[in-house]
Amino acid sequence: MIDARRHEDPVRRRIEALGTSMSLPTVARALGVLEGEHRSPRRGGTDDLLDVRAYEIGDEARRIDWKISARSGRTMVVQRERCSSSRVHLLMDAGREMTATCPSGERAYAVAANALCMFAALTLRRSDNVSLVLGDASRIMRVPFHGGFAQFERRIDETLDRPWRCPRNLGALLDYAVRLRDRHALIVLATCGGAVGDDELRRVRRIAQTHPFVLIDVATINPFAAEPVAGRRGMRVVDGASGRRIPAFLTRRTLTDEVATHRAYRVSALRQELSRAGARLIHADSSEAMFHDFVRLISLSRLGAPGARSHLRVGAARPRKGVSA
């Protein structure tokens, strides 16, 4: 069940503050650099003047209209047809594996939902469309959504308040993304626990040829750690699929280190493979860490000069009792 306190989650409030505190030009740069700018299919030609205002620190130099500036006696910037994506597709793994627990004590689906909220907050701030899709082994479900960020929060929380009976089917979600026709639209996929294998990577490479792609990978607890959840030493870990407890004699330092080393290698290899495909990985084990990584990406895009190589889009060469693992 979705915790009722989710609506007072400090990370959610910071996400909302991030979307409302950033100026629209900054938001446009942050997501525009990630997506790859292109003309919006919305009404308005390339020469249509939408707004004129005085230059402010942080505005892009290419927005300056020198003729208007000369007539007014001060530097003026203009808003014309927006160069941005018209839609962002937020895809979420809804398999029962997403009920696994993170080292922060959160469920993996809660961290993933917060990560998708981060993208939605800036996307909706820019007045683009958001498409939310969930998928497991039984079906692919598109969640109808119209409105602002508060309504998006309600819709995703209501959708996740569901039985988590079916296993994941990440391949089906990626096949859905492959069939999307609106090229250049940003695709964000949230999953957990090393779900991306060789078959999934082949699909990601195909998607990245036509769409900017971001993979959100939520890290879950180390089942052999003496303190799998921070501050709760000695907690018994339950296998999410079988419901069996992890035997106490397996809680050993050697096993803990082996699992940690293997996971670190997997994440490093996945990041490298995605980079080669022109995609991006965000990997974190809590909503707090996810928020900081997202803000770091936005900060890098803000520091980049117009026309410079994006720091965000990497260039390609061409519920059970106890915690569950």
Protein backbone atom coordinates (compact mmCIF):
# COMPACT_ATOMS: atom_id res chain seq x y z
CA MET A 1 0.00 0.00 0.00
CA ILE A 2 1.10 3.56 -0.63
CA ASP A 3 2.09 5.23 2.61
CA ALA A 4 -0.22 8.16 3.35
CA ARG A 5 2.78 10.15 4.49
CA ARG A 6 4.15 10.10 0.93
CA HIS A 7 2.35 13.37 0.24
CA GLU A 8 4.45 14.99 2.98
CA ASP A 9 7.67 13.40 1.77
CA PRO A 10 10.33 16.15 2.00
CA VAL A 11 11.88 14.95 -1.27
CA ARG A 12 8.56 15.46 -3.08
CA ARG A 13 8.34 18.97 -1.72
CA ARG A 14 11.88 19.69 -2.88
CA ILE A 15 11.03 18.36 -6.32
CA GLU A 16 8.07 20.72 -6.50
CA ALA A 17 10.21 23.62 -5.29
CA LEU A 18 12.84 22.80 -7.91
CA GLY A 19 10.28 23.00 -10.69
CA THR A 20 8.75 26.28 -9.52
CA SER A 21 11.95 28.07 -8.48
CA MET A 22 13.85 27.57 -11.73
CA SER A 23 13.21 30.15 -14.43
CA LEU A 24 11.62 28.96 -17.64
CA PRO A 25 14.76 29.61 -19.75
CA THR A 26 16.76 27.50 -17.30
CA VAL A 27 14.19 24.70 -17.46
CA ALA A 28 14.24 24.86 -21.26
CA ARG A 29 18.03 24.54 -21.29
CA ALA A 30 18.08 21.78 -18.71
CA LEU A 31 15.67 19.50 -20.56
CA GLY A 32 16.35 20.85 -24.03
CA VAL A 33 20.02 19.91 -23.85
CA LEU A 34 19.06 16.45 -22.62
CA GLU A 35 16.53 15.87 -25.38
CA GLY A 36 18.26 17.55 -28.27
CA GLU A 37 16.52 20.72 -29.37
CA HIS A 38 14.12 20.61 -32.30
CA ARG A 39 11.09 22.55 -33.42
CA SER A 40 7.92 22.02 -31.54
CA PRO A 41 4.93 20.80 -33.59
CA ARG A 42 2.71 23.20 -31.67
CA ARG A 43 1.09 26.25 -33.26
CA GLY A 44 3.36 29.14 -34.13
CA GLY A 45 5.92 29.66 -36.90
CA THR A 46 9.62 30.19 -36.51
CA ASP A 47 9.16 33.95 -36.97
CA ASP A 48 6.23 34.32 -34.56
CA LEU A 49 7.16 36.62 -31.69
CA LEU A 50 5.75 35.36 -28.39
CA ASP A 51 7.36 37.63 -25.78
CA VAL A 52 9.89 40.44 -25.38
CA ARG A 53 11.57 41.31 -22.09
CA ALA A 54 14.77 42.77 -20.69
CA TYR A 55 17.85 40.56 -20.59
CA GLU A 56 18.52 38.82 -17.28
CA ILE A 57 21.62 37.02 -16.05
CA GLY A 58 21.39 33.41 -17.20
CA ASP A 59 19.56 34.10 -20.47
CA GLU A 60 21.09 32.60 -23.58
CA ALA A 61 22.91 35.05 -25.84
CA ARG A 62 21.17 33.65 -28.91
CA ARG A 63 17.84 34.92 -27.52
CA ILE A 64 18.99 38.54 -27.75
CA ASP A 65 17.29 40.55 -30.49
CA TRP A 66 19.79 43.27 -31.41
CA LYS A 67 17.35 45.35 -33.49
CA ILE A 68 14.83 45.57 -30.65
CA SER A 69 17.69 46.21 -28.20
CA ALA A 70 18.97 49.12 -30.33
CA ARG A 71 15.51 50.71 -30.47
CA SER A 72 14.87 50.36 -26.74
CA GLY A 73 18.33 51.37 -25.58
CA ARG A 74 18.91 48.22 -23.50
CA THR A 75 19.51 44.55 -24.11
CA MET A 76 16.26 42.68 -24.86
CA VAL A 77 15.59 38.98 -25.33
CA VAL A 78 12.72 37.51 -27.33
CA GLN A 79 10.73 34.29 -27.07
CA ARG A 80 9.79 32.75 -30.41
CA GLU A 81 8.75 29.24 -31.35
CA ARG A 82 9.93 26.87 -28.62
CA CYS A 83 12.66 24.42 -29.55
CA SER A 84 11.75 21.45 -27.40
CA SER A 85 10.12 18.08 -27.30
CA SER A 86 6.32 17.99 -27.29
CA ARG A 87 6.16 14.87 -25.10
CA VAL A 88 8.13 13.03 -22.44
CA HIS A 89 7.42 9.31 -22.00
CA LEU A 90 7.86 8.11 -18.42
CA LEU A 91 7.98 4.30 -18.31
CA MET A 92 7.99 2.37 -15.03
CA ASP A 93 8.68 -1.26 -14.26
CA ALA A 94 5.62 -2.46 -12.28
CA GLY A 95 6.78 -6.03 -11.60
CA ARG A 96 6.74 -7.40 -8.05
CA GLU A 97 10.54 -7.05 -7.99
CA MET A 98 9.89 -3.33 -7.47
CA THR A 99 8.62 -4.06 -3.94
CA ALA A 100 12.22 -4.73 -2.88
CA THR A 101 13.58 -2.59 -0.07
CA CYS A 102 16.31 0.03 -0.46
CA PRO A 103 19.04 0.77 2.12
CA SER A 104 17.06 3.88 3.04
CA GLY A 105 14.07 1.73 4.06
CA GLU A 106 12.01 2.85 1.06
CA ARG A 107 10.46 0.46 -1.44
CA ALA A 108 12.12 0.52 -4.85
CA TYR A 109 8.87 1.64 -6.53
CA ALA A 110 8.69 4.66 -4.22
CA VAL A 111 12.21 5.78 -5.16
CA ALA A 112 11.44 5.18 -8.84
CA ALA A 113 8.21 7.19 -8.59
CA ASN A 114 10.08 10.11 -7.02
CA ALA A 115 12.64 9.97 -9.82
CA LEU A 116 9.88 10.14 -12.45
CA CYS A 117 8.34 13.05 -10.55
CA MET A 118 11.60 14.95 -10.99
CA PHE A 119 11.38 14.71 -14.77
CA ALA A 120 7.64 15.45 -14.70
CA ALA A 121 8.13 18.60 -12.60
CA LEU A 122 10.40 20.25 -15.16
CA THR A 123 8.53 18.88 -18.16
CA LEU A 124 5.19 20.27 -16.93
CA ARG A 125 6.88 23.54 -16.01
CA ARG A 126 7.76 23.83 -19.69
CA SER A 127 4.16 23.01 -20.69
CA ASP A 128 5.12 19.85 -22.54
CA ASN A 129 3.02 16.69 -22.45
CA VAL A 130 3.75 13.80 -20.09
CA SER A 131 2.90 10.19 -20.87
CA LEU A 132 3.02 7.74 -17.93
CA VAL A 133 3.20 4.00 -18.73
CA LEU A 134 3.50 1.05 -16.33
CA GLY A 135 4.25 -2.52 -17.33
CA ASP A 136 4.61 -6.00 -15.86
CA ALA A 137 4.33 -9.55 -17.20
CA SER A 138 0.53 -9.30 -17.45
CA ARG A 139 0.05 -6.02 -19.32
CA ILE A 140 1.30 -2.61 -20.42
CA MET A 141 -0.88 0.13 -18.95
CA ARG A 142 -0.93 3.74 -20.08
CA VAL A 143 -2.13 6.01 -17.27
CA PRO A 144 -4.35 8.89 -18.48
CA PHE A 145 -3.07 12.20 -17.21
CA HIS A 146 -3.97 15.83 -17.78
CA GLY A 147 -3.04 18.69 -15.49
CA GLY A 148 -0.15 20.02 -13.44
CA PHE A 149 2.45 18.49 -11.17
CA ALA A 150 0.10 18.03 -8.20
CA GLN A 151 -2.23 15.94 -10.32
CA PHE A 152 0.69 13.94 -11.69
CA GLU A 153 1.71 13.12 -8.12
CA ARG A 154 -1.80 11.93 -7.31
CA ARG A 155 -2.06 9.82 -10.45
CA ILE A 156 1.23 8.02 -9.99
CA ASP A 157 0.55 7.37 -6.28
CA GLU A 158 -2.93 6.05 -7.01
CA THR A 159 -1.59 3.82 -9.75
CA LEU A 160 1.10 2.34 -7.50
CA ASP A 161 -1.46 1.57 -4.79
CA ARG A 162 -2.04 -1.87 -6.30
CA PRO A 163 -1.34 -5.59 -5.77
CA TRP A 164 2.19 -6.42 -6.87
CA ARG A 165 1.59 -10.01 -7.97
CA CYS A 166 3.12 -10.27 -11.45
CA PRO A 167 6.83 -10.41 -12.24
CA ARG A 168 8.47 -7.79 -14.41
CA ASN A 169 8.67 -7.84 -18.17
CA LEU A 170 11.17 -5.14 -19.04
CA GLY A 171 11.41 -6.38 -22.60
CA ALA A 172 7.74 -5.57 -23.21
CA LEU A 173 8.21 -2.02 -21.87
CA LEU A 174 11.20 -1.49 -24.14
CA ASP A 175 9.28 -2.90 -27.11
CA TYR A 176 6.59 -0.32 -26.35
CA ALA A 177 9.25 2.40 -26.45
CA VAL A 178 10.66 1.08 -29.74
CA ARG A 179 7.25 1.56 -31.37
CA LEU A 180 6.90 5.22 -30.32
CA ARG A 181 6.74 7.34 -33.46
CA ASP A 182 7.39 10.83 -32.06
CA ARG A 183 11.12 10.99 -32.56
CA HIS A 184 13.27 13.18 -30.29
CA ALA A 185 10.77 12.81 -27.44
CA LEU A 186 12.55 11.98 -24.20
CA ILE A 187 12.08 8.42 -22.89
CA VAL A 188 12.75 7.70 -19.20
CA LEU A 189 12.59 4.11 -17.91
CA ALA A 190 12.65 3.35 -14.16
CA THR A 191 13.50 -0.10 -12.83
CA CYS A 192 15.60 -1.72 -10.10
CA GLY A 193 17.96 -4.51 -9.18
CA GLY A 194 19.97 -5.16 -12.31
CA ALA A 195 17.01 -5.82 -14.58
CA VAL A 196 18.85 -4.72 -17.74
CA GLY A 197 20.62 -7.62 -19.42
CA ASP A 198 22.00 -8.22 -22.91
CA ASP A 199 18.56 -8.53 -24.54
CA GLU A 200 17.34 -5.31 -22.94
CA LEU A 201 20.54 -3.48 -23.93
CA ARG A 202 19.95 -4.39 -27.56
CA ARG A 203 16.54 -2.73 -27.38
CA VAL A 204 17.99 0.32 -25.61
CA ARG A 205 20.54 0.77 -28.40
CA ARG A 206 17.75 0.69 -30.95
CA ILE A 207 15.70 3.26 -29.01
CA ALA A 208 18.71 5.55 -28.53
CA GLN A 209 19.12 5.83 -32.30
CA THR A 210 15.93 7.91 -32.52
CA HIS A 211 15.20 9.10 -28.96
CA PRO A 212 17.16 10.51 -26.03
CA PHE A 213 16.97 7.82 -23.36
CA VAL A 214 17.51 7.86 -19.58
CA LEU A 215 17.57 4.71 -17.45
CA ILE A 216 16.78 5.04 -13.75
CA ASP A 217 18.21 2.09 -11.83
CA VAL A 218 17.18 1.88 -8.16
CA ALA A 219 19.65 0.03 -5.92
CA THR A 220 18.15 -2.35 -3.35
CA ILE A 221 19.52 -3.78 -0.11
CA ASN A 222 22.40 -6.19 0.15
CA PRO A 223 20.62 -9.26 1.56
CA PHE A 224 23.73 -10.52 3.35
CA ALA A 225 24.60 -7.25 5.11
CA ALA A 226 24.49 -7.12 8.90
CA GLU A 227 22.61 -3.82 8.58
CA PRO A 228 20.68 -3.99 5.26
CA VAL A 229 18.59 -0.94 6.17
CA ALA A 230 20.44 1.99 7.69
CA GLY A 231 19.90 2.21 11.44
CA ARG A 232 18.09 -1.15 11.69
CA ARG A 233 20.85 -3.65 12.43
CA GLY A 234 19.79 -7.28 12.74
CA MET A 235 16.63 -6.93 10.63
CA ARG A 236 15.68 -10.21 8.96
CA VAL A 237 15.54 -10.10 5.18
CA VAL A 238 12.72 -11.84 3.29
CA ASP A 239 13.03 -13.06 -0.30
CA GLY A 240 10.41 -11.16 -2.29
CA ALA A 241 9.59 -14.06 -4.62
CA SER A 242 9.49 -17.06 -2.27
CA GLY A 243 8.67 -15.33 1.02
CA ARG A 244 11.49 -17.20 2.76
CA ARG A 245 13.82 -15.55 5.22
CA ILE A 246 17.51 -15.28 4.42
CA PRO A 247 19.27 -17.69 6.85
CA ALA A 248 21.21 -15.92 9.57
CA PHE A 249 24.39 -17.91 8.89
CA LEU A 250 24.62 -16.25 5.44
CA THR A 251 25.00 -12.83 7.04
CA ARG A 252 28.76 -12.77 6.60
CA ARG A 253 31.20 -10.05 5.66
CA THR A 254 32.69 -12.06 2.79
CA LEU A 255 29.30 -12.57 1.12
CA THR A 256 28.38 -8.93 1.71
CA ASP A 257 31.60 -7.74 0.04
CA GLU A 258 31.21 -10.14 -2.90
CA VAL A 259 27.67 -8.92 -3.61
CA ALA A 260 28.72 -5.27 -3.27
CA THR A 261 31.67 -5.77 -5.63
CA HIS A 262 29.54 -7.57 -8.22
CA ARG A 263 26.88 -4.86 -8.12
CA ALA A 264 29.44 -2.07 -8.46
CA TYR A 265 30.95 -3.82 -11.49
CA ARG A 266 27.50 -4.30 -13.02
CA VAL A 267 26.60 -0.62 -12.61
CA SER A 268 29.93 0.50 -14.06
CA ALA A 269 29.53 -1.81 -17.07
CA LEU A 270 25.92 -0.70 -17.59
CA ARG A 271 26.89 2.96 -17.45
CA GLN A 272 29.59 2.36 -20.05
CA GLU A 273 27.26 0.45 -22.37
CA LEU A 274 24.57 3.11 -22.13
CA SER A 275 27.14 5.82 -22.79
CA ARG A 276 28.20 4.06 -25.97
CA ALA A 277 24.57 3.94 -27.07
CA GLY A 278 24.10 7.66 -26.40
CA ALA A 279 21.91 7.07 -23.33
CA ARG A 280 22.27 8.05 -19.68
CA LEU A 281 22.13 6.15 -16.38
CA ILE A 282 20.93 7.50 -13.03
CA HIS A 283 21.72 5.03 -10.25
CA ALA A 284 20.83 5.65 -6.58
CA ASP A 285 19.69 3.77 -3.49
CA SER A 286 17.30 6.37 -2.03
CA SER A 287 15.04 9.23 -3.03
CA GLU A 288 17.48 11.66 -1.44
CA ALA A 289 20.43 10.35 -3.47
CA MET A 290 18.28 10.26 -6.61
CA PHE A 291 17.33 13.92 -6.11
CA HIS A 292 20.96 15.01 -5.69
CA ASP A 293 22.05 13.11 -8.81
CA PHE A 294 19.22 14.68 -10.82
CA VAL A 295 20.11 18.19 -9.60
CA ARG A 296 23.75 17.53 -10.50
CA LEU A 297 22.70 16.70 -14.07
CA ILE A 298 20.61 19.86 -14.28
CA SER A 299 23.50 21.91 -12.91
CA LEU A 300 25.86 20.51 -15.53
CA SER A 301 23.42 21.44 -18.29
CA ARG A 302 23.12 24.97 -16.92
CA LEU A 303 26.91 25.39 -16.93
CA GLY A 304 27.22 24.28 -20.53
CA ALA A 305 27.41 27.01 -23.11
CA PRO A 306 24.84 27.09 -25.93
CA GLY A 307 25.95 24.73 -28.63
CA ALA A 308 28.46 22.98 -26.38
CA ARG A 309 28.53 19.22 -26.01
CA SER A 310 25.87 18.12 -23.57
CA HIS A 311 26.86 16.79 -20.16
CA LEU A 312 23.45 15.16 -19.97
CA ARG A 313 23.13 13.36 -23.25
CA VAL A 314 26.26 11.33 -23.84
CA GLY A 315 27.37 11.29 -27.46
CA ALA A 316 27.31 7.89 -29.16
CA ALA A 317 30.01 6.65 -31.48
CA ARG A 318 27.48 6.32 -34.25
CA PRO A 319 4.17 -5.97 -0.32
CA ARG A 320 5.32 -8.62 2.33
CA LYS A 321 6.13 -8.44 6.06
CA GLY A 322 9.69 -7.45 6.71
CA VAL A 323 12.10 -6.20 4.08
CA SER A 324 12.54 -7.94 0.76
CA ALA A 325 15.55 -8.28 -1.43
